[in-house]
Amino acid sequence: MRERDGLAMSSRNMRLSAKGRDLAPMLHRIMQQSANAMRAGTAFDDVTAAAKAELAAAGFGRVDYFEVRELDHLKLVSTTDQPARLFAAVFLEDVRLIDNIEILKRRCCHRPFCYADFSFSSSL
């Protein structure tokens, strides 16, 4: 679950100062930009290095991890040819913020066309 500004909900968020709370949603925005770049084919190492540099420049502290893992066994991956998520743990002030977002979703089956890949809404 997320706050309206994109920050992952956590009781730790209350420990942030007002300035830190204003900055914290940048983690999610940087993760989204990174995921989009990875989906577009940018090398994972280049994307993660740029993201870490952007976080540091913005005022975040130590990055424990900013990495992509496949869904079945949580092994590190370097391509988007399998279902994967981007995981991050970054310090802001003295608070460790954690988040994860989807990079490539899991298909419900191995068919080239799958109804589960689409959202249907009824206007009836």
PDB file of N, CA and C in Angstrom:
ATOM      1  N   MET A   1       0.841  -1.174   0.000  1.00  0.00           N
ATOM      2  CA  MET A   1       0.000   0.000   0.000  1.00  0.00           C
ATOM      3  C   MET A   1       0.885   1.235   0.000  1.00  0.00           C
ATOM      4  N   ARG A   2       0.354   2.286  -0.586  1.00  0.00           N
ATOM      5  CA  ARG A   2       1.114   3.511  -0.745  1.00  0.00           C
ATOM      6  C   ARG A   2       0.351   4.720  -0.235  1.00  0.00           C
ATOM      7  N   GLU A   3       1.122   5.718   0.178  1.00  0.00           N
ATOM      8  CA  GLU A   3       0.549   7.023   0.488  1.00  0.00           C
ATOM      9  C   GLU A   3       0.149   7.665  -0.844  1.00  0.00           C
ATOM     10  N   ARG A   4      -0.607   8.737  -0.797  1.00  0.00           N
ATOM     11  CA  ARG A   4      -1.038   9.407  -2.029  1.00  0.00           C
ATOM     12  C   ARG A   4       0.128   9.888  -2.883  1.00  0.00           C
ATOM     13  N   ASP A   5       1.244  10.217  -2.249  1.00  0.00           N
ATOM     14  CA  ASP A   5       2.399  10.724  -2.996  1.00  0.00           C
ATOM     15  C   ASP A   5       3.321   9.616  -3.493  1.00  0.00           C
ATOM     16  N   GLY A   6       2.934   8.353  -3.292  1.00  0.00           N
ATOM     17  CA  GLY A   6       3.708   7.222  -3.800  1.00  0.00           C
ATOM     18  C   GLY A   6       4.591   6.541  -2.786  1.00  0.00           C
ATOM     19  N   LEU A   7       4.835   7.159  -1.648  1.00  0.00           N
ATOM     20  CA  LEU A   7       5.686   6.548  -0.623  1.00  0.00           C
ATOM     21  C   LEU A   7       5.016   5.282  -0.091  1.00  0.00           C
ATOM     22  N   ALA A   8       5.806   4.212   0.030  1.00  0.00           N
ATOM     23  CA  ALA A   8       5.280   2.979   0.596  1.00  0.00           C
ATOM     24  C   ALA A   8       4.852   3.233   2.041  1.00  0.00           C
ATOM     25  N   MET A   9       3.663   2.780   2.401  1.00  0.00           N
ATOM     26  CA  MET A   9       3.164   2.996   3.766  1.00  0.00           C
ATOM     27  C   MET A   9       3.992   2.206   4.767  1.00  0.00           C
ATOM     28  N   SER A  10       4.354   2.868   5.846  1.00  0.00           N
ATOM     29  CA  SER A  10       5.114   2.230   6.909  1.00  0.00           C
ATOM     30  C   SER A  10       5.032   3.107   8.150  1.00  0.00           C
ATOM     31  N   SER A  11       5.042   2.475   9.302  1.00  0.00           N
ATOM     32  CA  SER A  11       5.052   3.244  10.549  1.00  0.00           C
ATOM     33  C   SER A  11       6.363   4.020  10.683  1.00  0.00           C
ATOM     34  N   ARG A  12       7.404   3.581   9.991  1.00  0.00           N
ATOM     35  CA  ARG A  12       8.699   4.286  10.041  1.00  0.00           C
ATOM     36  C   ARG A  12       8.604   5.690   9.469  1.00  0.00           C
ATOM     37  N   ASN A  13       7.667   5.902   8.552  1.00  0.00           N
ATOM     38  CA  ASN A  13       7.547   7.215   7.915  1.00  0.00           C
ATOM     39  C   ASN A  13       7.290   8.323   8.933  1.00  0.00           C
ATOM     40  N   MET A  14       6.680   7.966  10.066  1.00  0.00           N
ATOM     41  CA  MET A  14       6.392   8.968  11.103  1.00  0.00           C
ATOM     42  C   MET A  14       7.667   9.487  11.760  1.00  0.00           C
ATOM     43  N   ARG A  15       8.764   8.752  11.631  1.00  0.00           N
ATOM     44  CA  ARG A  15      10.025   9.164  12.229  1.00  0.00           C
ATOM     45  C   ARG A  15      10.780  10.176  11.373  1.00  0.00           C
ATOM     46  N   LEU A  16      10.290  10.423  10.153  1.00  0.00           N
ATOM     47  CA  LEU A  16      10.931  11.394   9.278  1.00  0.00           C
ATOM     48  C   LEU A  16      10.554  12.819   9.690  1.00  0.00           C
ATOM     49  N   SER A  17      11.483  13.750   9.530  1.00  0.00           N
ATOM     50  CA  SER A  17      11.166  15.156   9.734  1.00  0.00           C
ATOM     51  C   SER A  17      10.238  15.597   8.603  1.00  0.00           C
ATOM     52  N   ALA A  18       9.694  16.789   8.698  1.00  0.00           N
ATOM     53  CA  ALA A  18       8.830  17.311   7.630  1.00  0.00           C
ATOM     54  C   ALA A  18       9.605  17.377   6.311  1.00  0.00           C
ATOM     55  N   LYS A  19      10.849  17.818   6.373  1.00  0.00           N
ATOM     56  CA  LYS A  19      11.680  17.890   5.165  1.00  0.00           C
ATOM     57  C   LYS A  19      11.938  16.489   4.606  1.00  0.00           C
ATOM     58  N   GLY A  20      12.246  15.552   5.482  1.00  0.00           N
ATOM     59  CA  GLY A  20      12.486  14.178   5.054  1.00  0.00           C
ATOM     60  C   GLY A  20      11.240  13.549   4.453  1.00  0.00           C
ATOM     61  N   ARG A  21      10.098  13.833   5.055  1.00  0.00           N
ATOM     62  CA  ARG A  21       8.830  13.282   4.540  1.00  0.00           C
ATOM     63  C   ARG A  21       8.526  13.826   3.159  1.00  0.00           C
ATOM     64  N   ASP A  22       8.873  15.097   2.919  1.00  0.00           N
ATOM     65  CA  ASP A  22       8.669  15.688   1.594  1.00  0.00           C
ATOM     66  C   ASP A  22       9.591  15.055   0.549  1.00  0.00           C
ATOM     67  N   LEU A  23      10.784  14.669   0.961  1.00  0.00           N
ATOM     68  CA  LEU A  23      11.770  14.084   0.053  1.00  0.00           C
ATOM     69  C   LEU A  23      11.533  12.596  -0.197  1.00  0.00           C
ATOM     70  N   ALA A  24      11.002  11.887   0.780  1.00  0.00           N
ATOM     71  CA  ALA A  24      10.878  10.430   0.731  1.00  0.00           C
ATOM     72  C   ALA A  24      10.193   9.875  -0.522  1.00  0.00           C
ATOM     73  N   PRO A  25       9.121  10.483  -1.043  1.00  0.00           N
ATOM     74  CA  PRO A  25       8.473   9.926  -2.241  1.00  0.00           C
ATOM     75  C   PRO A  25       9.376   9.888  -3.476  1.00  0.00           C
ATOM     76  N   MET A  26      10.487  10.621  -3.417  1.00  0.00           N
ATOM     77  CA  MET A  26      11.413  10.592  -4.549  1.00  0.00           C
ATOM     78  C   MET A  26      11.971   9.185  -4.763  1.00  0.00           C
ATOM     79  N   LEU A  27      12.079   8.393  -3.705  1.00  0.00           N
ATOM     80  CA  LEU A  27      12.548   7.017  -3.855  1.00  0.00           C
ATOM     81  C   LEU A  27      11.651   6.272  -4.834  1.00  0.00           C
ATOM     82  N   HIS A  28      10.356   6.364  -4.643  1.00  0.00           N
ATOM     83  CA  HIS A  28       9.424   5.650  -5.528  1.00  0.00           C
ATOM     84  C   HIS A  28       9.513   6.188  -6.958  1.00  0.00           C
ATOM     85  N   ARG A  29       9.620   7.498  -7.119  1.00  0.00           N
ATOM     86  CA  ARG A  29       9.722   8.077  -8.462  1.00  0.00           C
ATOM     87  C   ARG A  29      10.992   7.596  -9.174  1.00  0.00           C
ATOM     88  N   ILE A  30      12.104   7.557  -8.450  1.00  0.00           N
ATOM     89  CA  ILE A  30      13.356   7.084  -9.041  1.00  0.00           C
ATOM     90  C   ILE A  30      13.240   5.605  -9.392  1.00  0.00           C
ATOM     91  N   MET A  31      12.566   4.840  -8.549  1.00  0.00           N
ATOM     92  CA  MET A  31      12.364   3.421  -8.850  1.00  0.00           C
ATOM     93  C   MET A  31      11.510   3.251 -10.108  1.00  0.00           C
ATOM     94  N   GLN A  32      10.466   4.049 -10.247  1.00  0.00           N
ATOM     95  CA  GLN A  32       9.623   3.962 -11.442  1.00  0.00           C
ATOM     96  C   GLN A  32      10.420   4.317 -12.694  1.00  0.00           C
ATOM     97  N   GLN A  33      11.207   5.388 -12.628  1.00  0.00           N
ATOM     98  CA  GLN A  33      12.039   5.770 -13.769  1.00  0.00           C
ATOM     99  C   GLN A  33      13.027   4.650 -14.105  1.00  0.00           C
ATOM    100  N   SER A  34      13.594   4.044 -13.083  1.00  0.00           N
ATOM    101  CA  SER A  34      14.553   2.962 -13.286  1.00  0.00           C
ATOM    102  C   SER A  34      13.891   1.751 -13.938  1.00  0.00           C
ATOM    103  N   ALA A  35      12.721   1.393 -13.447  1.00  0.00           N
ATOM    104  CA  ALA A  35      11.995   0.255 -14.022  1.00  0.00           C
ATOM    105  C   ALA A  35      11.667   0.515 -15.488  1.00  0.00           C
ATOM    106  N   ASN A  36      11.236   1.734 -15.803  1.00  0.00           N
ATOM    107  CA  ASN A  36      10.930   2.075 -17.196  1.00  0.00           C
ATOM    108  C   ASN A  36      12.171   1.975 -18.076  1.00  0.00           C
ATOM    109  N   ALA A  37      13.296   2.450 -17.570  1.00  0.00           N
ATOM    110  CA  ALA A  37      14.545   2.372 -18.333  1.00  0.00           C
ATOM    111  C   ALA A  37      14.957   0.922 -18.559  1.00  0.00           C
ATOM    112  N   MET A  38      14.795   0.088 -17.537  1.00  0.00           N
ATOM    113  CA  MET A  38      15.145  -1.322 -17.679  1.00  0.00           C
ATOM    114  C   MET A  38      14.233  -2.010 -18.694  1.00  0.00           C
ATOM    115  N   ARG A  39      12.941  -1.702 -18.641  1.00  0.00           N
ATOM    116  CA  ARG A  39      12.003  -2.279 -19.605  1.00  0.00           C
ATOM    117  C   ARG A  39      12.357  -1.863 -21.033  1.00  0.00           C
ATOM    118  N   ALA A  40      12.908  -0.655 -21.154  1.00  0.00           N
ATOM    119  CA  ALA A  40      13.275  -0.133 -22.479  1.00  0.00           C
ATOM    120  C   ALA A  40      14.604  -0.694 -22.978  1.00  0.00           C
ATOM    121  N   GLY A  41      15.288  -1.462 -22.131  1.00  0.00           N
ATOM    122  CA  GLY A  41      16.508  -2.126 -22.569  1.00  0.00           C
ATOM    123  C   GLY A  41      17.804  -1.525 -22.066  1.00  0.00           C
ATOM    124  N   THR A  42      17.747  -0.499 -21.232  1.00  0.00           N
ATOM    125  CA  THR A  42      18.968   0.071 -20.668  1.00  0.00           C
ATOM    126  C   THR A  42      19.597  -0.949 -19.724  1.00  0.00           C
ATOM    127  N   ALA A  43      20.907  -1.070 -19.782  1.00  0.00           N
ATOM    128  CA  ALA A  43      21.623  -2.041 -18.948  1.00  0.00           C
ATOM    129  C   ALA A  43      21.315  -1.812 -17.471  1.00  0.00           C
ATOM    130  N   PHE A  44      20.999  -2.900 -16.765  1.00  0.00           N
ATOM    131  CA  PHE A  44      20.630  -2.802 -15.349  1.00  0.00           C
ATOM    132  C   PHE A  44      21.711  -2.118 -14.529  1.00  0.00           C
ATOM    133  N   ASP A  45      22.968  -2.455 -14.773  1.00  0.00           N
ATOM    134  CA  ASP A  45      24.060  -1.841 -14.001  1.00  0.00           C
ATOM    135  C   ASP A  45      24.096  -0.328 -14.195  1.00  0.00           C
ATOM    136  N   ASP A  46      23.855   0.120 -15.427  1.00  0.00           N
ATOM    137  CA  ASP A  46      23.841   1.559 -15.698  1.00  0.00           C
ATOM    138  C   ASP A  46      22.673   2.233 -14.982  1.00  0.00           C
ATOM    139  N   VAL A  47      21.517   1.581 -15.015  1.00  0.00           N
ATOM    140  CA  VAL A  47      20.319   2.141 -14.380  1.00  0.00           C
ATOM    141  C   VAL A  47      20.494   2.227 -12.871  1.00  0.00           C
ATOM    142  N   THR A  48      20.977   1.166 -12.257  1.00  0.00           N
ATOM    143  CA  THR A  48      21.117   1.173 -10.801  1.00  0.00           C
ATOM    144  C   THR A  48      22.189   2.167 -10.359  1.00  0.00           C
ATOM    145  N   ALA A  49      23.275   2.298 -11.114  1.00  0.00           N
ATOM    146  CA  ALA A  49      24.310   3.279 -10.767  1.00  0.00           C
ATOM    147  C   ALA A  49      23.744   4.696 -10.850  1.00  0.00           C
ATOM    148  N   ALA A  50      22.986   4.977 -11.895  1.00  0.00           N
ATOM    149  CA  ALA A  50      22.384   6.314 -12.045  1.00  0.00           C
ATOM    150  C   ALA A  50      21.378   6.584 -10.931  1.00  0.00           C
ATOM    151  N   ALA A  51      20.589   5.580 -10.576  1.00  0.00           N
ATOM    152  CA  ALA A  51      19.593   5.751  -9.512  1.00  0.00           C
ATOM    153  C   ALA A  51      20.269   6.030  -8.173  1.00  0.00           C
ATOM    154  N   LYS A  52      21.317   5.290  -7.873  1.00  0.00           N
ATOM    155  CA  LYS A  52      22.036   5.514  -6.614  1.00  0.00           C
ATOM    156  C   LYS A  52      22.648   6.909  -6.574  1.00  0.00           C
ATOM    157  N   ALA A  53      23.179   7.365  -7.701  1.00  0.00           N
ATOM    158  CA  ALA A  53      23.760   8.710  -7.760  1.00  0.00           C
ATOM    159  C   ALA A  53      22.669   9.768  -7.577  1.00  0.00           C
ATOM    160  N   GLU A  54      21.511   9.546  -8.179  1.00  0.00           N
ATOM    161  CA  GLU A  54      20.410  10.499  -8.044  1.00  0.00           C
ATOM    162  C   GLU A  54      19.901  10.547  -6.611  1.00  0.00           C
ATOM    163  N   LEU A  55      19.808   9.399  -5.964  1.00  0.00           N
ATOM    164  CA  LEU A  55      19.381   9.359  -4.566  1.00  0.00           C
ATOM    165  C   LEU A  55      20.365  10.120  -3.680  1.00  0.00           C
ATOM    166  N   ALA A  56      21.653   9.893  -3.895  1.00  0.00           N
ATOM    167  CA  ALA A  56      22.677  10.584  -3.098  1.00  0.00           C
ATOM    168  C   ALA A  56      22.614  12.093  -3.322  1.00  0.00           C
ATOM    169  N   ALA A  57      22.461  12.508  -4.566  1.00  0.00           N
ATOM    170  CA  ALA A  57      22.400  13.936  -4.881  1.00  0.00           C
ATOM    171  C   ALA A  57      21.177  14.600  -4.264  1.00  0.00           C
ATOM    172  N   ALA A  58      20.097  13.826  -4.128  1.00  0.00           N
ATOM    173  CA  ALA A  58      18.863  14.370  -3.554  1.00  0.00           C
ATOM    174  C   ALA A  58      18.917  14.488  -2.039  1.00  0.00           C
ATOM    175  N   GLY A  59      19.873  13.796  -1.409  1.00  0.00           N
ATOM    176  CA  GLY A  59      19.987  13.888   0.041  1.00  0.00           C
ATOM    177  C   GLY A  59      19.709  12.601   0.790  1.00  0.00           C
ATOM    178  N   PHE A  60      19.515  11.508   0.063  1.00  0.00           N
ATOM    179  CA  PHE A  60      19.338  10.208   0.723  1.00  0.00           C
ATOM    180  C   PHE A  60      20.702   9.741   1.213  1.00  0.00           C
ATOM    181  N   GLY A  61      20.687   8.862   2.197  1.00  0.00           N
ATOM    182  CA  GLY A  61      21.924   8.330   2.750  1.00  0.00           C
ATOM    183  C   GLY A  61      22.303   7.011   2.114  1.00  0.00           C
ATOM    184  N   ARG A  62      22.809   6.119   2.933  1.00  0.00           N
ATOM    185  CA  ARG A  62      23.308   4.823   2.462  1.00  0.00           C
ATOM    186  C   ARG A  62      22.226   4.030   1.733  1.00  0.00           C
ATOM    187  N   VAL A  63      22.619   3.416   0.644  1.00  0.00           N
ATOM    188  CA  VAL A  63      21.736   2.515  -0.095  1.00  0.00           C
ATOM    189  C   VAL A  63      22.140   1.095   0.281  1.00  0.00           C
ATOM    190  N   ASP A  64      21.260   0.400   0.994  1.00  0.00           N
ATOM    191  CA  ASP A  64      21.549  -0.995   1.340  1.00  0.00           C
ATOM    192  C   ASP A  64      21.455  -1.874   0.100  1.00  0.00           C
ATOM    193  N   TYR A  65      20.426  -1.664  -0.690  1.00  0.00           N
ATOM    194  CA  TYR A  65      20.308  -2.375  -1.966  1.00  0.00           C
ATOM    195  C   TYR A  65      19.358  -1.631  -2.888  1.00  0.00           C
ATOM    196  N   PHE A  66      19.614  -1.787  -4.167  1.00  0.00           N
ATOM    197  CA  PHE A  66      18.777  -1.270  -5.249  1.00  0.00           C
ATOM    198  C   PHE A  66      19.013  -2.267  -6.366  1.00  0.00           C
ATOM    199  N   GLU A  67      18.161  -3.302  -6.418  1.00  0.00           N
ATOM    200  CA  GLU A  67      18.464  -4.439  -7.283  1.00  0.00           C
ATOM    201  C   GLU A  67      17.203  -5.102  -7.816  1.00  0.00           C
ATOM    202  N   VAL A  68      17.398  -5.852  -8.880  1.00  0.00           N
ATOM    203  CA  VAL A  68      16.297  -6.559  -9.538  1.00  0.00           C
ATOM    204  C   VAL A  68      16.430  -8.048  -9.247  1.00  0.00           C
ATOM    205  N   ARG A  69      15.302  -8.626  -8.834  1.00  0.00           N
ATOM    206  CA  ARG A  69      15.274 -10.065  -8.533  1.00  0.00           C
ATOM    207  C   ARG A  69      14.088 -10.717  -9.223  1.00  0.00           C
ATOM    208  N   GLU A  70      14.321 -11.958  -9.671  1.00  0.00           N
ATOM    209  CA  GLU A  70      13.225 -12.706 -10.301  1.00  0.00           C
ATOM    210  C   GLU A  70      12.264 -13.170  -9.218  1.00  0.00           C
ATOM    211  N   LEU A  71      11.037 -13.450  -9.620  1.00  0.00           N
ATOM    212  CA  LEU A  71       9.981 -13.705  -8.643  1.00  0.00           C
ATOM    213  C   LEU A  71      10.008 -15.089  -8.013  1.00  0.00           C
ATOM    214  N   ASP A  72      10.419 -16.097  -8.743  1.00  0.00           N
ATOM    215  CA  ASP A  72      10.306 -17.454  -8.206  1.00  0.00           C
ATOM    216  C   ASP A  72      11.270 -17.753  -7.064  1.00  0.00           C
ATOM    217  N   HIS A  73      12.536 -17.355  -7.210  1.00  0.00           N
ATOM    218  CA  HIS A  73      13.540 -17.706  -6.199  1.00  0.00           C
ATOM    219  C   HIS A  73      14.297 -16.492  -5.669  1.00  0.00           C
ATOM    220  N   LEU A  74      13.867 -15.303  -6.104  1.00  0.00           N
ATOM    221  CA  LEU A  74      14.490 -14.035  -5.697  1.00  0.00           C
ATOM    222  C   LEU A  74      15.981 -13.966  -6.031  1.00  0.00           C
ATOM    223  N   LYS A  75      16.373 -14.624  -7.112  1.00  0.00           N
ATOM    224  CA  LYS A  75      17.756 -14.529  -7.583  1.00  0.00           C
ATOM    225  C   LYS A  75      17.944 -13.211  -8.321  1.00  0.00           C
ATOM    226  N   LEU A  76      19.140 -12.650  -8.199  1.00  0.00           N
ATOM    227  CA  LEU A  76      19.469 -11.434  -8.936  1.00  0.00           C
ATOM    228  C   LEU A  76      19.395 -11.699 -10.430  1.00  0.00           C
ATOM    229  N   VAL A  77      18.870 -10.730 -11.177  1.00  0.00           N
ATOM    230  CA  VAL A  77      18.800 -10.848 -12.631  1.00  0.00           C
ATOM    231  C   VAL A  77      19.358  -9.575 -13.268  1.00  0.00           C
ATOM    232  N   SER A  78      19.682  -9.671 -14.555  1.00  0.00           N
ATOM    233  CA  SER A  78      20.213  -8.510 -15.255  1.00  0.00           C
ATOM    234  C   SER A  78      19.494  -8.250 -16.578  1.00  0.00           C
ATOM    235  N   THR A  79      18.385  -8.958 -16.797  1.00  0.00           N
ATOM    236  CA  THR A  79      17.580  -8.726 -17.993  1.00  0.00           C
ATOM    237  C   THR A  79      16.108  -8.806 -17.619  1.00  0.00           C
ATOM    238  N   THR A  80      15.250  -8.278 -18.486  1.00  0.00           N
ATOM    239  CA  THR A  80      13.807  -8.309 -18.218  1.00  0.00           C
ATOM    240  C   THR A  80      13.118  -9.396 -19.026  1.00  0.00           C
ATOM    241  N   ASP A  81      13.751 -10.548 -19.137  1.00  0.00           N
ATOM    242  CA  ASP A  81      13.143 -11.635 -19.889  1.00  0.00           C
ATOM    243  C   ASP A  81      12.359 -12.598 -19.007  1.00  0.00           C
ATOM    244  N   GLN A  82      12.176 -12.244 -17.762  1.00  0.00           N
ATOM    245  CA  GLN A  82      11.417 -13.078 -16.831  1.00  0.00           C
ATOM    246  C   GLN A  82      10.727 -12.173 -15.810  1.00  0.00           C
ATOM    247  N   PRO A  83       9.667 -12.669 -15.180  1.00  0.00           N
ATOM    248  CA  PRO A  83       8.982 -11.850 -14.169  1.00  0.00           C
ATOM    249  C   PRO A  83       9.966 -11.419 -13.072  1.00  0.00           C
ATOM    250  N   ALA A  84       9.961 -10.111 -12.775  1.00  0.00           N
ATOM    251  CA  ALA A  84      10.938  -9.584 -11.823  1.00  0.00           C
ATOM    252  C   ALA A  84      10.400  -8.342 -11.137  1.00  0.00           C
ATOM    253  N   ARG A  85      11.038  -8.012 -10.006  1.00  0.00           N
ATOM    254  CA  ARG A  85      10.714  -6.804  -9.245  1.00  0.00           C
ATOM    255  C   ARG A  85      12.007  -6.076  -8.918  1.00  0.00           C
ATOM    256  N   LEU A  86      11.870  -4.769  -8.780  1.00  0.00           N
ATOM    257  CA  LEU A  86      12.967  -3.920  -8.343  1.00  0.00           C
ATOM    258  C   LEU A  86      12.801  -3.700  -6.844  1.00  0.00           C
ATOM    259  N   PHE A  87      13.822  -4.027  -6.072  1.00  0.00           N
ATOM    260  CA  PHE A  87      13.803  -3.893  -4.614  1.00  0.00           C
ATOM    261  C   PHE A  87      14.792  -2.812  -4.191  1.00  0.00           C
ATOM    262  N   ALA A  88      14.404  -2.012  -3.199  1.00  0.00           N
ATOM    263  CA  ALA A  88      15.292  -0.966  -2.703  1.00  0.00           C
ATOM    264  C   ALA A  88      15.173  -0.818  -1.196  1.00  0.00           C
ATOM    265  N   ALA A  89      16.300  -0.543  -0.573  1.00  0.00           N
ATOM    266  CA  ALA A  89      16.352  -0.160   0.844  1.00  0.00           C
ATOM    267  C   ALA A  89      17.363   0.975   0.932  1.00  0.00           C
ATOM    268  N   VAL A  90      16.892   2.132   1.365  1.00  0.00           N
ATOM    269  CA  VAL A  90      17.686   3.353   1.358  1.00  0.00           C
ATOM    270  C   VAL A  90      17.432   4.119   2.653  1.00  0.00           C
ATOM    271  N   PHE A  91      18.485   4.685   3.206  1.00  0.00           N
ATOM    272  CA  PHE A  91      18.327   5.496   4.408  1.00  0.00           C
ATOM    273  C   PHE A  91      18.027   6.940   4.052  1.00  0.00           C
ATOM    274  N   LEU A  92      17.116   7.514   4.792  1.00  0.00           N
ATOM    275  CA  LEU A  92      16.823   8.943   4.731  1.00  0.00           C
ATOM    276  C   LEU A  92      16.733   9.400   6.174  1.00  0.00           C
ATOM    277  N   GLU A  93      17.589  10.357   6.518  1.00  0.00           N
ATOM    278  CA  GLU A  93      17.771  10.728   7.918  1.00  0.00           C
ATOM    279  C   GLU A  93      18.197   9.448   8.638  1.00  0.00           C
ATOM    280  N   ASP A  94      17.553   9.036   9.691  1.00  0.00           N
ATOM    281  CA  ASP A  94      17.937   7.788  10.353  1.00  0.00           C
ATOM    282  C   ASP A  94      16.905   6.686  10.105  1.00  0.00           C
ATOM    283  N   VAL A  95      16.112   6.853   9.055  1.00  0.00           N
ATOM    284  CA  VAL A  95      15.018   5.937   8.757  1.00  0.00           C
ATOM    285  C   VAL A  95      15.366   5.122   7.518  1.00  0.00           C
ATOM    286  N   ARG A  96      15.225   3.810   7.619  1.00  0.00           N
ATOM    287  CA  ARG A  96      15.473   2.915   6.483  1.00  0.00           C
ATOM    288  C   ARG A  96      14.163   2.738   5.724  1.00  0.00           C
ATOM    289  N   LEU A  97      14.110   3.291   4.519  1.00  0.00           N
ATOM    290  CA  LEU A  97      12.930   3.168   3.669  1.00  0.00           C
ATOM    291  C   LEU A  97      13.104   1.945   2.777  1.00  0.00           C
ATOM    292  N   ILE A  98      12.071   1.139   2.668  1.00  0.00           N
ATOM    293  CA  ILE A  98      12.117  -0.020   1.789  1.00  0.00           C
ATOM    294  C   ILE A  98      10.946   0.048   0.817  1.00  0.00           C
ATOM    295  N   ASP A  99      11.164  -0.481  -0.367  1.00  0.00           N
ATOM    296  CA  ASP A  99      10.120  -0.452  -1.387  1.00  0.00           C
ATOM    297  C   ASP A  99      10.436  -1.514  -2.424  1.00  0.00           C
ATOM    298  N   ASN A 100       9.434  -1.877  -3.201  1.00  0.00           N
ATOM    299  CA  ASN A 100       9.640  -2.760  -4.350  1.00  0.00           C
ATOM    300  C   ASN A 100       8.534  -2.508  -5.348  1.00  0.00           C
ATOM    301  N   ILE A 101       8.887  -2.620  -6.622  1.00  0.00           N
ATOM    302  CA  ILE A 101       7.912  -2.424  -7.682  1.00  0.00           C
ATOM    303  C   ILE A 101       8.120  -3.481  -8.769  1.00  0.00           C
ATOM    304  N   GLU A 102       7.079  -3.713  -9.497  1.00  0.00           N
ATOM    305  CA  GLU A 102       7.114  -4.690 -10.574  1.00  0.00           C
ATOM    306  C   GLU A 102       7.891  -4.146 -11.772  1.00  0.00           C
ATOM    307  N   ILE A 103       8.705  -5.002 -12.355  1.00  0.00           N
ATOM    308  CA  ILE A 103       9.361  -4.640 -13.610  1.00  0.00           C
ATOM    309  C   ILE A 103       8.698  -5.399 -14.745  1.00  0.00           C
ATOM    310  N   LEU A 104       8.538  -6.680 -14.570  1.00  0.00           N
ATOM    311  CA  LEU A 104       7.864  -7.497 -15.569  1.00  0.00           C
ATOM    312  C   LEU A 104       6.925  -8.430 -14.833  1.00  0.00           C
ATOM    313  N   LYS A 105       5.642  -8.353 -15.164  1.00  0.00           N
ATOM    314  CA  LYS A 105       4.659  -9.149 -14.438  1.00  0.00           C
ATOM    315  C   LYS A 105       4.668 -10.606 -14.872  1.00  0.00           C
ATOM    316  N   ARG A 106       4.208 -11.441 -13.991  1.00  0.00           N
ATOM    317  CA  ARG A 106       4.085 -12.868 -14.260  1.00  0.00           C
ATOM    318  C   ARG A 106       2.843 -13.094 -15.117  1.00  0.00           C
ATOM    319  N   ARG A 107       3.003 -13.858 -16.137  1.00  0.00           N
ATOM    320  CA  ARG A 107       1.860 -14.228 -16.973  1.00  0.00           C
ATOM    321  C   ARG A 107       1.139 -15.397 -16.303  1.00  0.00           C
ATOM    322  N   CYS A 108      -0.156 -15.483 -16.548  1.00  0.00           N
ATOM    323  CA  CYS A 108      -0.922 -16.564 -15.922  1.00  0.00           C
ATOM    324  C   CYS A 108      -0.683 -17.888 -16.628  1.00  0.00           C
ATOM    325  N   CYS A 109      -0.187 -17.833 -17.847  1.00  0.00           N
ATOM    326  CA  CYS A 109       0.032 -19.064 -18.609  1.00  0.00           C
ATOM    327  C   CYS A 109       1.184 -18.818 -19.582  1.00  0.00           C
ATOM    328  N   HIS A 110       1.498 -19.797 -20.383  1.00  0.00           N
ATOM    329  CA  HIS A 110       2.611 -19.679 -21.322  1.00  0.00           C
ATOM    330  C   HIS A 110       2.143 -19.445 -22.753  1.00  0.00           C
ATOM    331  N   ARG A 111       0.885 -19.096 -22.916  1.00  0.00           N
ATOM    332  CA  ARG A 111       0.363 -18.817 -24.252  1.00  0.00           C
ATOM    333  C   ARG A 111       0.811 -17.433 -24.703  1.00  0.00           C
ATOM    334  N   PRO A 112       0.974 -17.231 -26.015  1.00  0.00           N
ATOM    335  CA  PRO A 112       1.361 -15.896 -26.487  1.00  0.00           C
ATOM    336  C   PRO A 112       0.298 -14.839 -26.207  1.00  0.00           C
ATOM    337  N   PHE A 113      -0.964 -15.241 -26.130  1.00  0.00           N
ATOM    338  CA  PHE A 113      -2.058 -14.324 -25.849  1.00  0.00           C
ATOM    339  C   PHE A 113      -2.764 -14.834 -24.605  1.00  0.00           C
ATOM    340  N   CYS A 114      -2.951 -13.975 -23.634  1.00  0.00           N
ATOM    341  CA  CYS A 114      -3.546 -14.406 -22.372  1.00  0.00           C
ATOM    342  C   CYS A 114      -4.549 -13.360 -21.907  1.00  0.00           C
ATOM    343  N   TYR A 115      -5.775 -13.767 -21.658  1.00  0.00           N
ATOM    344  CA  TYR A 115      -6.793 -12.821 -21.213  1.00  0.00           C
ATOM    345  C   TYR A 115      -6.439 -12.156 -19.883  1.00  0.00           C
ATOM    346  N   ALA A 116      -5.663 -12.812 -19.050  1.00  0.00           N
ATOM    347  CA  ALA A 116      -5.299 -12.236 -17.755  1.00  0.00           C
ATOM    348  C   ALA A 116      -4.373 -11.027 -17.894  1.00  0.00           C
ATOM    349  N   ASP A 117      -3.794 -10.838 -19.085  1.00  0.00           N
ATOM    350  CA  ASP A 117      -2.921  -9.696 -19.306  1.00  0.00           C
ATOM    351  C   ASP A 117      -3.685  -8.399 -19.530  1.00  0.00           C
ATOM    352  N   PHE A 118      -5.005  -8.507 -19.621  1.00  0.00           N
ATOM    353  CA  PHE A 118      -5.825  -7.340 -19.928  1.00  0.00           C
ATOM    354  C   PHE A 118      -6.813  -7.104 -18.797  1.00  0.00           C
ATOM    355  N   SER A 119      -7.179  -5.852 -18.618  1.00  0.00           N
ATOM    356  CA  SER A 119      -8.190  -5.490 -17.643  1.00  0.00           C
ATOM    357  C   SER A 119      -9.485  -5.241 -18.387  1.00  0.00           C
ATOM    358  N   PHE A 120     -10.549  -5.801 -17.894  1.00  0.00           N
ATOM    359  CA  PHE A 120     -11.854  -5.595 -18.485  1.00  0.00           C
ATOM    360  C   PHE A 120     -12.739  -4.912 -17.460  1.00  0.00           C
ATOM    361  N   SER A 121     -13.508  -3.963 -17.910  1.00  0.00           N
ATOM    362  CA  SER A 121     -14.448  -3.326 -16.998  1.00  0.00           C
ATOM    363  C   SER A 121     -15.811  -3.355 -17.641  1.00  0.00           C
ATOM    364  N   SER A 122     -16.794  -3.481 -16.820  1.00  0.00           N
ATOM    365  CA  SER A 122     -18.153  -3.529 -17.321  1.00  0.00           C
ATOM    366  C   SER A 122     -18.831  -2.193 -17.086  1.00  0.00           C
ATOM    367  N   SER A 123     -19.501  -1.688 -18.089  1.00  0.00           N
ATOM    368  CA  SER A 123     -20.217  -0.433 -17.925  1.00  0.00           C
ATOM    369  C   SER A 123     -21.696  -0.685 -17.742  1.00  0.00           C
ATOM    370  N   LEU A 124     -22.050  -1.930 -17.508  1.00  0.00           N
ATOM    371  CA  LEU A 124     -23.462  -2.282 -17.332  1.00  0.00           C
ATOM    372  C   LEU A 124     -23.956  -1.972 -15.946  1.00  0.00           C
TER     373      LEU A 124
END
